[in-house]
Amino acid sequence: MAATAEVCDANPQLISSGELRALQPCFQIYGRRQVFSGPIVTLKVFEDNVLVRELLEEKGDGRVLVVDGGGSMRCAILGGNPVQQAQNNGWAGIVVNGCIRDVDEINGCDIGVRALASHPMKANKKGFGEKHVPITIAGTRICDAEWLYADTDGILVSRVELSL
């Protein structure tokens, strides 16, 4: 994959049209895979991780789960066990607009993870949330089946798969 900075430099027309967007730089980098990309699966939850776990139990097929956790800093909605499962099921990455926990375990997994911060408290388990809906995180509207490209410079979202 080409670096996100190079993708931006090579595609000013996609940026000006809004087909290629950069997320605001608010995410911390976790997991062993610092560079990842794939088609997006969206999820909207708040301080509840039941749907996060359910999705990561599915075959990932190189997809990226993007979770709008409402930016909550009161608990973690992703931990080590679901990340391990995501790695084993072939997910390319997970982006969480919220907190994670079990950082050492996650950092040992061969998967890309981005989150706002870490937090030791666990989430609720009520099963509330919405799958495959448009979400807005880090100043960017993201839709199911768009494409995400992440590296150490940042995160890009594209309406279509880019030939890098």
N, C-alpha and C. Protein backbone atom coordinates (compact mmCIF):
# COMPACT_ATOMS: atom_id res chain seq x y z
N MET A 1 0.84 -1.18 0.00
CA MET A 1 0.00 0.00 0.00
C MET A 1 0.88 1.24 0.00
N ALA A 2 0.52 2.21 -0.80
CA ALA A 2 1.24 3.48 -0.81
C ALA A 2 0.95 4.23 0.49
N ALA A 3 1.88 5.07 0.90
CA ALA A 3 1.69 5.86 2.12
C ALA A 3 0.49 6.79 1.95
N THR A 4 -0.22 7.03 3.05
CA THR A 4 -1.40 7.90 2.99
C THR A 4 -1.02 9.29 2.49
N ALA A 5 0.16 9.79 2.86
CA ALA A 5 0.59 11.10 2.39
C ALA A 5 0.73 11.10 0.86
N GLU A 6 1.29 10.02 0.32
CA GLU A 6 1.45 9.92 -1.14
C GLU A 6 0.09 9.83 -1.82
N VAL A 7 -0.84 9.09 -1.20
CA VAL A 7 -2.19 8.98 -1.76
C VAL A 7 -2.84 10.36 -1.82
N CYS A 8 -2.69 11.14 -0.77
CA CYS A 8 -3.25 12.50 -0.76
C CYS A 8 -2.61 13.36 -1.85
N ASP A 9 -1.27 13.30 -1.95
CA ASP A 9 -0.57 14.10 -2.95
C ASP A 9 -0.99 13.74 -4.37
N ALA A 10 -1.28 12.45 -4.60
CA ALA A 10 -1.59 11.98 -5.95
C ALA A 10 -3.07 12.15 -6.33
N ASN A 11 -3.91 12.51 -5.35
CA ASN A 11 -5.35 12.54 -5.63
C ASN A 11 -6.04 13.82 -5.16
N PRO A 12 -5.52 15.00 -5.55
CA PRO A 12 -6.16 16.24 -5.08
C PRO A 12 -7.61 16.38 -5.56
N GLN A 13 -7.91 15.82 -6.72
CA GLN A 13 -9.28 15.92 -7.24
C GLN A 13 -10.25 15.10 -6.40
N LEU A 14 -9.81 13.95 -5.89
CA LEU A 14 -10.68 13.13 -5.03
C LEU A 14 -10.89 13.81 -3.68
N ILE A 15 -9.87 14.52 -3.20
CA ILE A 15 -9.99 15.24 -1.93
C ILE A 15 -10.97 16.40 -2.09
N SER A 16 -10.81 17.17 -3.16
CA SER A 16 -11.69 18.35 -3.35
C SER A 16 -13.14 17.94 -3.60
N SER A 17 -13.35 16.77 -4.19
CA SER A 17 -14.73 16.31 -4.44
C SER A 17 -15.35 15.64 -3.21
N GLY A 18 -14.53 15.35 -2.20
CA GLY A 18 -15.03 14.69 -1.00
C GLY A 18 -15.05 13.17 -1.11
N GLU A 19 -14.57 12.64 -2.22
CA GLU A 19 -14.53 11.18 -2.38
C GLU A 19 -13.43 10.55 -1.54
N LEU A 20 -12.40 11.35 -1.21
CA LEU A 20 -11.30 10.90 -0.37
C LEU A 20 -11.20 11.87 0.80
N ARG A 21 -11.34 11.32 2.03
CA ARG A 21 -11.33 12.15 3.22
C ARG A 21 -10.31 11.65 4.22
N ALA A 22 -9.73 12.57 4.97
CA ALA A 22 -8.79 12.21 6.04
C ALA A 22 -9.48 12.42 7.38
N LEU A 23 -9.35 11.44 8.26
CA LEU A 23 -9.89 11.59 9.61
C LEU A 23 -8.99 12.53 10.40
N GLN A 24 -9.59 13.30 11.30
CA GLN A 24 -8.80 14.17 12.17
C GLN A 24 -7.82 13.31 12.97
N PRO A 25 -6.63 13.83 13.25
CA PRO A 25 -5.58 13.02 13.89
C PRO A 25 -5.76 12.90 15.41
N CYS A 26 -6.74 12.10 15.81
CA CYS A 26 -7.03 11.94 17.24
C CYS A 26 -6.83 10.52 17.74
N PHE A 27 -6.38 9.63 16.87
CA PHE A 27 -6.30 8.22 17.23
C PHE A 27 -4.90 7.78 17.62
N GLN A 28 -4.82 6.91 18.63
CA GLN A 28 -3.58 6.27 19.03
C GLN A 28 -3.42 4.99 18.21
N ILE A 29 -2.18 4.57 18.00
CA ILE A 29 -1.89 3.38 17.21
C ILE A 29 -1.63 2.19 18.13
N TYR A 30 -2.35 1.09 17.90
CA TYR A 30 -2.18 -0.14 18.66
C TYR A 30 -2.09 -1.31 17.69
N GLY A 31 -1.70 -2.46 18.20
CA GLY A 31 -1.59 -3.66 17.37
C GLY A 31 -0.28 -3.67 16.61
N ARG A 32 0.11 -4.85 16.13
CA ARG A 32 1.40 -4.97 15.43
C ARG A 32 1.35 -4.46 14.00
N ARG A 33 0.17 -4.39 13.41
CA ARG A 33 0.06 -3.99 12.01
C ARG A 33 -0.19 -2.48 11.95
N GLN A 34 0.87 -1.72 11.69
CA GLN A 34 0.73 -0.26 11.66
C GLN A 34 0.13 0.25 10.36
N VAL A 35 0.22 -0.56 9.31
CA VAL A 35 -0.34 -0.20 8.00
C VAL A 35 -1.39 -1.24 7.65
N PHE A 36 -2.62 -0.77 7.38
CA PHE A 36 -3.69 -1.69 6.99
C PHE A 36 -4.72 -0.96 6.15
N SER A 37 -5.50 -1.74 5.41
CA SER A 37 -6.55 -1.17 4.58
C SER A 37 -7.59 -2.25 4.32
N GLY A 38 -8.77 -1.80 3.88
CA GLY A 38 -9.80 -2.75 3.53
C GLY A 38 -11.16 -2.09 3.46
N PRO A 39 -12.16 -2.85 2.98
CA PRO A 39 -13.52 -2.33 2.95
C PRO A 39 -14.06 -2.19 4.38
N ILE A 40 -14.87 -1.17 4.58
CA ILE A 40 -15.34 -0.79 5.91
C ILE A 40 -16.66 -1.48 6.27
N VAL A 41 -16.73 -1.90 7.53
CA VAL A 41 -17.99 -2.31 8.16
C VAL A 41 -18.22 -1.31 9.29
N THR A 42 -19.37 -0.63 9.29
CA THR A 42 -19.63 0.38 10.32
C THR A 42 -20.49 -0.17 11.44
N LEU A 43 -20.29 0.42 12.60
CA LEU A 43 -21.04 0.04 13.79
C LEU A 43 -21.16 1.27 14.68
N LYS A 44 -22.35 1.48 15.23
CA LYS A 44 -22.58 2.60 16.15
C LYS A 44 -23.07 2.03 17.47
N VAL A 45 -22.29 2.26 18.54
CA VAL A 45 -22.64 1.78 19.88
C VAL A 45 -22.27 2.87 20.88
N PHE A 46 -22.73 2.71 22.12
CA PHE A 46 -22.31 3.64 23.17
C PHE A 46 -22.12 2.87 24.47
N GLU A 47 -20.87 2.77 24.89
CA GLU A 47 -20.50 2.11 26.14
C GLU A 47 -21.07 0.70 26.24
N ASP A 48 -21.15 0.01 25.11
CA ASP A 48 -21.70 -1.34 25.02
C ASP A 48 -20.90 -2.07 23.94
N ASN A 49 -20.41 -3.28 24.24
CA ASN A 49 -19.56 -3.94 23.25
C ASN A 49 -20.12 -5.26 22.71
N VAL A 50 -21.38 -5.56 22.95
CA VAL A 50 -21.95 -6.83 22.48
C VAL A 50 -21.88 -6.92 20.95
N LEU A 51 -22.30 -5.88 20.25
CA LEU A 51 -22.29 -5.91 18.79
C LEU A 51 -20.87 -5.90 18.23
N VAL A 52 -19.94 -5.25 18.93
CA VAL A 52 -18.53 -5.27 18.51
C VAL A 52 -18.04 -6.71 18.49
N ARG A 53 -18.27 -7.42 19.57
CA ARG A 53 -17.83 -8.82 19.67
C ARG A 53 -18.51 -9.68 18.61
N GLU A 54 -19.82 -9.48 18.41
CA GLU A 54 -20.56 -10.28 17.42
C GLU A 54 -19.97 -10.11 16.02
N LEU A 55 -19.69 -8.87 15.63
CA LEU A 55 -19.14 -8.64 14.29
C LEU A 55 -17.76 -9.27 14.14
N LEU A 56 -16.92 -9.15 15.17
CA LEU A 56 -15.56 -9.67 15.07
C LEU A 56 -15.52 -11.20 15.12
N GLU A 57 -16.63 -11.84 15.50
CA GLU A 57 -16.73 -13.29 15.43
C GLU A 57 -16.98 -13.78 14.00
N GLU A 58 -17.40 -12.85 13.11
CA GLU A 58 -17.62 -13.19 11.70
C GLU A 58 -16.27 -13.25 10.99
N LYS A 59 -16.25 -13.89 9.81
CA LYS A 59 -15.06 -13.88 8.98
C LYS A 59 -14.79 -12.44 8.53
N GLY A 60 -13.56 -11.99 8.70
CA GLY A 60 -13.22 -10.61 8.37
C GLY A 60 -12.97 -10.38 6.89
N ASP A 61 -12.38 -11.37 6.22
CA ASP A 61 -12.08 -11.25 4.79
C ASP A 61 -11.36 -9.94 4.45
N GLY A 62 -10.43 -9.51 5.32
CA GLY A 62 -9.66 -8.31 5.05
C GLY A 62 -10.40 -7.02 5.26
N ARG A 63 -11.56 -7.08 5.92
CA ARG A 63 -12.33 -5.85 6.16
C ARG A 63 -11.81 -5.11 7.39
N VAL A 64 -12.29 -3.86 7.53
CA VAL A 64 -11.93 -3.01 8.66
C VAL A 64 -13.22 -2.63 9.39
N LEU A 65 -13.29 -2.93 10.68
CA LEU A 65 -14.44 -2.54 11.48
C LEU A 65 -14.21 -1.12 11.99
N VAL A 66 -15.14 -0.22 11.70
CA VAL A 66 -15.06 1.16 12.17
C VAL A 66 -16.22 1.36 13.14
N VAL A 67 -15.87 1.60 14.41
CA VAL A 67 -16.86 1.68 15.48
C VAL A 67 -16.99 3.11 15.98
N ASP A 68 -18.19 3.67 15.86
CA ASP A 68 -18.48 4.95 16.48
C ASP A 68 -18.96 4.66 17.89
N GLY A 69 -18.07 4.82 18.85
CA GLY A 69 -18.41 4.60 20.24
C GLY A 69 -18.80 5.89 20.94
N GLY A 70 -19.17 6.90 20.15
CA GLY A 70 -19.60 8.17 20.72
C GLY A 70 -18.48 8.96 21.37
N GLY A 71 -17.24 8.52 21.16
CA GLY A 71 -16.11 9.22 21.75
C GLY A 71 -16.04 9.07 23.26
N SER A 72 -16.76 8.09 23.82
CA SER A 72 -16.79 7.92 25.27
C SER A 72 -15.40 7.61 25.83
N MET A 73 -15.08 8.31 26.91
CA MET A 73 -13.82 8.08 27.62
C MET A 73 -14.09 7.48 29.00
N ARG A 74 -15.28 6.86 29.18
CA ARG A 74 -15.67 6.33 30.49
C ARG A 74 -15.48 4.82 30.62
N CYS A 75 -15.28 4.12 29.51
CA CYS A 75 -15.04 2.68 29.55
C CYS A 75 -14.48 2.23 28.21
N ALA A 76 -13.96 1.01 28.18
CA ALA A 76 -13.41 0.45 26.95
C ALA A 76 -14.48 -0.39 26.26
N ILE A 77 -14.61 -0.22 24.95
CA ILE A 77 -15.58 -1.03 24.20
C ILE A 77 -14.90 -2.11 23.36
N LEU A 78 -13.59 -2.23 23.52
CA LEU A 78 -12.84 -3.28 22.81
C LEU A 78 -11.70 -3.73 23.70
N GLY A 79 -11.54 -5.06 23.81
CA GLY A 79 -10.46 -5.61 24.63
C GLY A 79 -9.67 -6.67 23.88
N GLY A 80 -8.78 -7.30 24.60
CA GLY A 80 -7.85 -8.24 24.00
C GLY A 80 -8.48 -9.46 23.36
N ASN A 81 -9.47 -10.07 24.00
CA ASN A 81 -10.08 -11.28 23.45
C ASN A 81 -10.76 -11.04 22.10
N PRO A 82 -11.60 -10.01 21.95
CA PRO A 82 -12.20 -9.78 20.63
C PRO A 82 -11.15 -9.41 19.56
N VAL A 83 -10.09 -8.72 19.95
CA VAL A 83 -9.04 -8.38 18.98
C VAL A 83 -8.32 -9.65 18.53
N GLN A 84 -8.04 -10.55 19.46
CA GLN A 84 -7.42 -11.84 19.11
C GLN A 84 -8.33 -12.59 18.14
N GLN A 85 -9.63 -12.59 18.43
CA GLN A 85 -10.59 -13.26 17.55
C GLN A 85 -10.62 -12.60 16.17
N ALA A 86 -10.58 -11.27 16.15
CA ALA A 86 -10.57 -10.55 14.88
C ALA A 86 -9.34 -10.93 14.05
N GLN A 87 -8.19 -11.01 14.70
CA GLN A 87 -6.96 -11.41 14.01
C GLN A 87 -7.14 -12.81 13.43
N ASN A 88 -7.64 -13.73 14.23
CA ASN A 88 -7.82 -15.12 13.79
C ASN A 88 -8.86 -15.25 12.69
N ASN A 89 -9.83 -14.34 12.65
CA ASN A 89 -10.90 -14.40 11.65
C ASN A 89 -10.59 -13.59 10.39
N GLY A 90 -9.39 -13.01 10.30
CA GLY A 90 -8.98 -12.35 9.07
C GLY A 90 -9.40 -10.91 8.89
N TRP A 91 -9.69 -10.20 9.99
CA TRP A 91 -9.96 -8.77 9.89
C TRP A 91 -8.64 -8.04 9.69
N ALA A 92 -8.62 -6.99 8.87
CA ALA A 92 -7.40 -6.21 8.65
C ALA A 92 -7.16 -5.22 9.77
N GLY A 93 -8.26 -4.65 10.30
CA GLY A 93 -8.09 -3.63 11.32
C GLY A 93 -9.41 -3.26 11.98
N ILE A 94 -9.25 -2.46 13.06
CA ILE A 94 -10.39 -1.96 13.82
C ILE A 94 -10.08 -0.52 14.19
N VAL A 95 -11.03 0.39 13.94
CA VAL A 95 -10.90 1.78 14.34
C VAL A 95 -12.03 2.07 15.32
N VAL A 96 -11.68 2.57 16.50
CA VAL A 96 -12.67 2.78 17.56
C VAL A 96 -12.69 4.25 17.97
N ASN A 97 -13.84 4.89 17.79
CA ASN A 97 -14.04 6.24 18.32
C ASN A 97 -14.49 6.08 19.76
N GLY A 98 -13.51 5.72 20.59
CA GLY A 98 -13.74 5.40 21.99
C GLY A 98 -12.48 4.76 22.53
N CYS A 99 -12.62 4.04 23.63
CA CYS A 99 -11.45 3.46 24.31
C CYS A 99 -11.36 1.95 24.14
N ILE A 100 -10.14 1.46 24.34
CA ILE A 100 -9.86 0.03 24.35
C ILE A 100 -9.18 -0.31 25.66
N ARG A 101 -9.03 -1.61 25.94
CA ARG A 101 -8.25 -2.04 27.10
C ARG A 101 -7.47 -3.30 26.73
N ASP A 102 -6.68 -3.80 27.65
CA ASP A 102 -5.79 -4.94 27.38
C ASP A 102 -4.77 -4.57 26.30
N VAL A 103 -4.19 -3.39 26.45
CA VAL A 103 -3.29 -2.84 25.43
C VAL A 103 -2.11 -3.76 25.13
N ASP A 104 -1.49 -4.34 26.15
CA ASP A 104 -0.34 -5.22 25.90
C ASP A 104 -0.75 -6.41 25.05
N GLU A 105 -1.90 -6.99 25.35
CA GLU A 105 -2.40 -8.12 24.56
C GLU A 105 -2.70 -7.69 23.12
N ILE A 106 -3.35 -6.55 22.97
CA ILE A 106 -3.67 -6.04 21.62
C ILE A 106 -2.40 -5.75 20.84
N ASN A 107 -1.40 -5.19 21.51
CA ASN A 107 -0.14 -4.87 20.82
C ASN A 107 0.60 -6.12 20.37
N GLY A 108 0.25 -7.28 20.90
CA GLY A 108 0.84 -8.54 20.46
C GLY A 108 0.12 -9.17 19.28
N CYS A 109 -1.01 -8.58 18.87
CA CYS A 109 -1.82 -9.15 17.78
C CYS A 109 -1.40 -8.57 16.43
N ASP A 110 -1.42 -9.43 15.40
CA ASP A 110 -1.09 -9.00 14.04
C ASP A 110 -2.34 -8.44 13.38
N ILE A 111 -2.74 -7.26 13.83
CA ILE A 111 -3.91 -6.57 13.31
C ILE A 111 -3.69 -5.09 13.60
N GLY A 112 -4.30 -4.23 12.81
CA GLY A 112 -4.21 -2.80 13.05
C GLY A 112 -5.36 -2.34 13.92
N VAL A 113 -5.06 -1.58 14.96
CA VAL A 113 -6.09 -1.04 15.84
C VAL A 113 -5.80 0.44 16.08
N ARG A 114 -6.84 1.25 15.96
CA ARG A 114 -6.76 2.67 16.29
C ARG A 114 -7.88 2.96 17.29
N ALA A 115 -7.56 3.75 18.31
CA ALA A 115 -8.57 4.13 19.30
C ALA A 115 -8.15 5.47 19.90
N LEU A 116 -9.09 6.11 20.59
CA LEU A 116 -8.79 7.41 21.20
C LEU A 116 -7.84 7.27 22.38
N ALA A 117 -8.01 6.20 23.17
CA ALA A 117 -7.20 6.01 24.37
C ALA A 117 -7.47 4.62 24.93
N SER A 118 -6.79 4.31 26.03
CA SER A 118 -7.07 3.07 26.75
C SER A 118 -7.75 3.41 28.07
N HIS A 119 -8.55 2.46 28.56
CA HIS A 119 -9.31 2.66 29.79
C HIS A 119 -9.50 1.29 30.43
N PRO A 120 -9.29 1.15 31.75
CA PRO A 120 -9.40 -0.17 32.36
C PRO A 120 -10.81 -0.70 32.58
N MET A 121 -11.81 0.18 32.59
CA MET A 121 -13.17 -0.27 32.88
C MET A 121 -13.82 -0.89 31.65
N LYS A 122 -14.60 -1.97 31.87
CA LYS A 122 -15.25 -2.65 30.75
C LYS A 122 -16.59 -2.02 30.42
N ALA A 123 -17.07 -2.32 29.22
CA ALA A 123 -18.32 -1.77 28.71
C ALA A 123 -19.52 -2.55 29.22
N ASN A 124 -20.70 -1.99 28.98
CA ASN A 124 -21.96 -2.68 29.27
C ASN A 124 -22.15 -3.82 28.28
N LYS A 125 -23.07 -4.71 28.59
CA LYS A 125 -23.37 -5.83 27.71
C LYS A 125 -24.88 -5.94 27.52
N LYS A 126 -25.47 -4.92 26.90
CA LYS A 126 -26.92 -4.91 26.68
C LYS A 126 -27.28 -5.21 25.23
N GLY A 127 -26.33 -5.05 24.33
CA GLY A 127 -26.59 -5.36 22.92
C GLY A 127 -27.21 -4.23 22.13
N PHE A 128 -27.12 -3.00 22.66
CA PHE A 128 -27.69 -1.85 21.95
C PHE A 128 -26.70 -1.34 20.91
N GLY A 129 -27.23 -0.90 19.77
CA GLY A 129 -26.39 -0.31 18.73
C GLY A 129 -26.96 -0.58 17.36
N GLU A 130 -26.27 -0.07 16.35
CA GLU A 130 -26.71 -0.22 14.96
C GLU A 130 -25.54 -0.64 14.09
N LYS A 131 -25.77 -1.65 13.25
CA LYS A 131 -24.75 -2.14 12.32
C LYS A 131 -25.01 -1.56 10.94
N HIS A 132 -23.95 -1.36 10.18
CA HIS A 132 -24.02 -1.00 8.76
C HIS A 132 -24.77 0.32 8.52
N VAL A 133 -24.57 1.30 9.40
CA VAL A 133 -25.21 2.61 9.26
C VAL A 133 -24.14 3.68 9.04
N PRO A 134 -24.47 4.79 8.36
CA PRO A 134 -23.50 5.88 8.24
C PRO A 134 -23.15 6.42 9.63
N ILE A 135 -21.88 6.68 9.86
CA ILE A 135 -21.41 7.23 11.13
C ILE A 135 -20.55 8.45 10.84
N THR A 136 -20.35 9.29 11.84
CA THR A 136 -19.44 10.42 11.71
C THR A 136 -18.47 10.38 12.88
N ILE A 137 -17.19 10.18 12.56
CA ILE A 137 -16.14 10.20 13.58
C ILE A 137 -14.98 11.03 13.06
N ALA A 138 -14.27 11.65 13.99
CA ALA A 138 -13.07 12.44 13.66
C ALA A 138 -13.35 13.41 12.51
N GLY A 139 -14.54 14.03 12.54
CA GLY A 139 -14.91 15.04 11.55
C GLY A 139 -15.24 14.49 10.18
N THR A 140 -15.44 13.18 10.06
CA THR A 140 -15.62 12.56 8.75
C THR A 140 -16.83 11.62 8.75
N ARG A 141 -17.68 11.76 7.75
CA ARG A 141 -18.80 10.84 7.57
C ARG A 141 -18.27 9.58 6.88
N ILE A 142 -18.62 8.42 7.43
CA ILE A 142 -18.12 7.15 6.92
C ILE A 142 -19.31 6.23 6.70
N CYS A 143 -19.34 5.59 5.53
CA CYS A 143 -20.43 4.68 5.19
C CYS A 143 -19.91 3.26 5.04
N ASP A 144 -20.80 2.31 5.35
CA ASP A 144 -20.50 0.90 5.16
C ASP A 144 -20.04 0.67 3.72
N ALA A 145 -19.07 -0.17 3.52
CA ALA A 145 -18.54 -0.58 2.21
C ALA A 145 -17.64 0.45 1.56
N GLU A 146 -17.36 1.59 2.20
CA GLU A 146 -16.31 2.47 1.71
C GLU A 146 -14.98 1.80 2.05
N TRP A 147 -13.86 2.43 1.69
CA TRP A 147 -12.54 1.84 1.90
C TRP A 147 -11.74 2.69 2.88
N LEU A 148 -11.01 2.02 3.77
CA LEU A 148 -10.16 2.70 4.75
C LEU A 148 -8.71 2.34 4.49
N TYR A 149 -7.85 3.34 4.59
CA TYR A 149 -6.41 3.18 4.43
C TYR A 149 -5.75 3.84 5.63
N ALA A 150 -4.96 3.08 6.40
CA ALA A 150 -4.32 3.62 7.60
C ALA A 150 -2.83 3.31 7.61
N ASP A 151 -2.07 4.29 8.06
CA ASP A 151 -0.64 4.08 8.33
C ASP A 151 -0.24 5.01 9.46
N THR A 152 1.03 5.17 9.70
CA THR A 152 1.47 5.98 10.84
C THR A 152 1.22 7.47 10.64
N ASP A 153 0.94 7.91 9.41
CA ASP A 153 0.61 9.31 9.16
C ASP A 153 -0.85 9.63 9.43
N GLY A 154 -1.73 8.64 9.28
CA GLY A 154 -3.14 8.92 9.51
C GLY A 154 -4.06 7.91 8.85
N ILE A 155 -5.33 8.30 8.78
CA ILE A 155 -6.37 7.42 8.26
C ILE A 155 -7.14 8.13 7.16
N LEU A 156 -7.26 7.46 6.02
CA LEU A 156 -8.04 7.97 4.89
C LEU A 156 -9.25 7.08 4.67
N VAL A 157 -10.34 7.71 4.20
CA VAL A 157 -11.54 6.97 3.81
C VAL A 157 -11.87 7.38 2.39
N SER A 158 -12.13 6.38 1.53
CA SER A 158 -12.44 6.63 0.14
C SER A 158 -13.77 5.97 -0.21
N ARG A 159 -14.54 6.63 -1.07
CA ARG A 159 -15.81 6.04 -1.52
C ARG A 159 -15.59 4.77 -2.30
N VAL A 160 -14.44 4.69 -3.00
CA VAL A 160 -14.14 3.52 -3.83
C VAL A 160 -12.74 3.01 -3.48
N GLU A 161 -12.46 1.77 -3.85
CA GLU A 161 -11.13 1.22 -3.65
C GLU A 161 -10.15 1.97 -4.54
N LEU A 162 -9.04 2.36 -3.98
CA LEU A 162 -8.01 3.09 -4.74
C LEU A 162 -6.98 2.11 -5.26
N SER A 163 -6.48 2.36 -6.47
CA SER A 163 -5.38 1.53 -6.97
C SER A 163 -4.08 2.19 -6.51
N LEU A 164 -3.45 1.59 -5.52
CA LEU A 164 -2.27 2.22 -4.90
C LEU A 164 -1.01 1.60 -5.46
